[in-house]
């Protein structure tokens, strides 16, 4: 049976996207995404928890993210997730959640984002990543 690794997130950017290019000229964009949830405890006290994700987008999606996203912007991200572990400078073992984005949709009102109608119309449709699929990864 084939596996499935798909994550759908709605959150706010924790910093402005950073666009870079690989040595072969492929665009890659990185940004952090904060996903929060709120609930009430048994005694009625409001609780909040935030999970942070490192998001990476490639190719045309990377350029779109770099052009239209900014710190604080609310977005929907769809992609695959993995857990990265590393040793910090203090010697402690650390982990973070890394997402490779396949799709991005900007959320929130135009006024909230400070964008004109023309800019939103040009950028508002979902953008899918142009990813090359390895035939060995296909489930059939």
Protein backbone atom coordinates (compact mmCIF):
# COMPACT_ATOMS: atom_id res chain seq x y z
CA UNK A 1 0.00 0.00 0.00
CA UNK A 2 1.24 3.48 -0.87
CA UNK A 3 1.84 6.13 1.77
CA UNK A 4 0.50 9.65 2.01
CA UNK A 5 2.23 12.68 3.47
CA UNK A 6 -0.01 15.74 3.13
CA UNK A 7 -0.45 18.68 5.45
CA UNK A 8 -2.89 21.60 5.22
CA UNK A 9 -2.12 24.65 7.36
CA UNK A 10 -3.71 28.03 7.94
CA UNK A 11 -1.53 30.46 9.82
CA UNK A 12 0.36 33.75 9.83
CA UNK A 13 3.85 34.39 8.52
CA UNK A 14 6.34 34.92 11.32
CA UNK A 15 8.80 36.79 9.09
CA UNK A 16 9.09 38.10 5.56
CA UNK A 17 9.82 35.43 2.94
CA UNK A 18 13.41 35.04 1.78
CA UNK A 19 13.93 34.30 -1.92
CA UNK A 20 17.17 32.71 -3.07
CA UNK A 21 18.30 30.86 -6.17
CA UNK A 22 20.15 27.57 -6.34
CA UNK A 23 23.40 27.36 -8.32
CA UNK A 24 21.35 26.08 -11.28
CA UNK A 25 19.01 29.10 -11.07
CA UNK A 26 16.00 27.44 -9.44
CA UNK A 27 14.07 29.83 -7.16
CA UNK A 28 13.54 28.74 -3.55
CA UNK A 29 11.62 30.72 -0.93
CA UNK A 30 11.67 30.16 2.85
CA UNK A 31 9.45 31.59 5.58
CA UNK A 32 8.10 30.63 9.00
CA UNK A 33 4.41 29.99 9.64
CA UNK A 34 2.69 30.22 13.04
CA UNK A 35 -0.43 28.08 13.44
CA UNK A 36 -2.38 28.83 16.63
CA UNK A 37 -5.37 27.25 18.31
CA UNK A 38 -7.46 28.51 21.19
CA UNK A 39 -9.67 26.68 23.64
CA UNK A 40 -11.24 27.02 27.05
CA UNK A 41 -10.02 24.86 29.92
CA UNK A 42 -12.44 23.09 32.24
CA UNK A 43 -12.45 26.07 34.58
CA UNK A 44 -13.24 28.46 31.68
CA UNK A 45 -9.75 29.90 31.34
CA UNK A 46 -8.73 30.74 27.76
CA UNK A 47 -5.74 28.77 26.51
CA UNK A 48 -3.66 29.26 23.37
CA UNK A 49 -1.02 27.10 21.73
CA UNK A 50 1.13 27.97 18.70
CA UNK A 51 3.05 25.56 16.49
CA UNK A 52 5.78 26.88 14.20
CA UNK A 53 6.59 25.46 10.77
CA UNK A 54 9.47 26.21 8.40
CA UNK A 55 7.97 26.43 4.91
CA UNK A 56 9.93 26.02 1.66
CA UNK A 57 8.47 26.72 -1.78
CA UNK A 58 10.16 26.09 -5.12
CA UNK A 59 10.02 27.43 -8.70
CA UNK A 60 7.05 29.64 -9.65
CA UNK A 61 5.42 29.16 -6.26
CA UNK A 62 8.61 30.45 -4.59
CA UNK A 63 8.55 33.63 -6.67
CA UNK A 64 4.84 34.17 -5.98
CA UNK A 65 5.37 33.78 -2.22
CA UNK A 66 8.30 36.21 -2.28
CA UNK A 67 6.32 38.80 -4.29
CA UNK A 68 3.01 38.73 -2.42
CA UNK A 69 3.60 37.51 1.15
CA UNK A 70 4.88 39.47 4.13
CA UNK A 71 5.25 39.06 7.87
CA UNK A 72 1.83 38.78 9.55
CA UNK A 73 0.01 37.73 6.37
CA UNK A 74 -2.52 34.92 6.80
CA UNK A 75 -2.13 32.08 4.29
CA UNK A 76 -3.27 28.56 3.53
CA UNK A 77 -0.39 26.20 2.75
CA UNK A 78 -0.69 22.70 1.41
CA UNK A 79 2.32 20.42 1.13
CA UNK A 80 4.27 17.61 2.74
CA UNK A 81 5.78 17.69 6.23
CA UNK A 82 8.89 16.20 7.80
CA UNK A 83 10.56 16.43 11.19
CA UNK A 84 14.10 17.82 11.07
CA UNK A 85 16.37 17.20 14.05
CA UNK A 86 19.65 18.91 14.82
CA UNK A 87 21.98 19.71 17.71
CA UNK A 88 21.85 23.32 18.88
CA UNK A 89 24.83 25.44 19.83
CA UNK A 90 24.16 24.57 23.47
CA UNK A 91 24.50 20.84 22.68
CA UNK A 92 20.78 20.16 23.11
CA UNK A 93 18.98 18.00 20.56
CA UNK A 94 16.29 20.08 18.80
CA UNK A 95 13.58 19.44 16.23
CA UNK A 96 11.42 21.51 13.93
CA UNK A 97 8.64 20.83 11.47
CA UNK A 98 9.56 21.53 7.85
CA UNK A 99 6.93 21.80 5.12
CA UNK A 100 7.57 21.69 1.38
CA UNK A 101 4.69 23.72 -0.05
CA UNK A 102 2.79 22.55 -3.14
CA UNK A 103 0.03 25.16 -2.97
CA UNK A 104 -0.47 28.57 -1.36
CA UNK A 105 -3.63 30.65 -1.01
CA UNK A 106 -3.59 34.14 0.49
CA UNK A 107 -6.31 34.72 3.08
CA UNK A 108 -7.76 37.76 4.78
CA UNK A 109 -9.39 40.84 3.33
CA UNK A 110 -7.73 43.10 0.79
CA UNK A 111 -7.85 46.00 3.20
CA UNK A 112 -6.17 43.93 5.94
CA UNK A 113 -3.30 43.14 3.60
CA UNK A 114 -2.86 46.62 2.12
CA UNK A 115 -3.15 45.35 -1.44
CA UNK A 116 -5.01 46.88 -4.38
CA UNK A 117 -7.80 45.06 -6.21
CA UNK A 118 -5.54 44.54 -9.26
CA UNK A 119 -2.78 43.01 -7.16
CA UNK A 120 -5.21 40.72 -5.33
CA UNK A 121 -6.84 39.64 -8.58
CA UNK A 122 -3.45 38.78 -10.03
CA UNK A 123 -2.34 36.94 -6.91
CA UNK A 124 -5.57 35.62 -5.39
CA UNK A 125 -5.92 32.34 -7.23
CA UNK A 126 -4.31 29.26 -5.73
CA UNK A 127 -0.80 28.72 -7.02
CA UNK A 128 0.49 25.20 -7.39
CA UNK A 129 4.12 24.21 -7.35
CA UNK A 130 5.79 23.03 -10.52
CA UNK A 131 7.41 19.97 -9.05
CA UNK A 132 9.03 17.17 -10.98
CA UNK A 133 7.73 13.84 -9.76
CA UNK A 134 10.12 10.92 -9.58
CA UNK A 135 8.35 7.89 -11.16
CA UNK A 136 9.64 5.74 -8.28
CA UNK A 137 7.54 7.84 -5.88
CA UNK A 138 4.25 7.08 -7.67
CA UNK A 139 1.93 4.78 -5.72
CA UNK A 140 1.07 2.56 -8.72
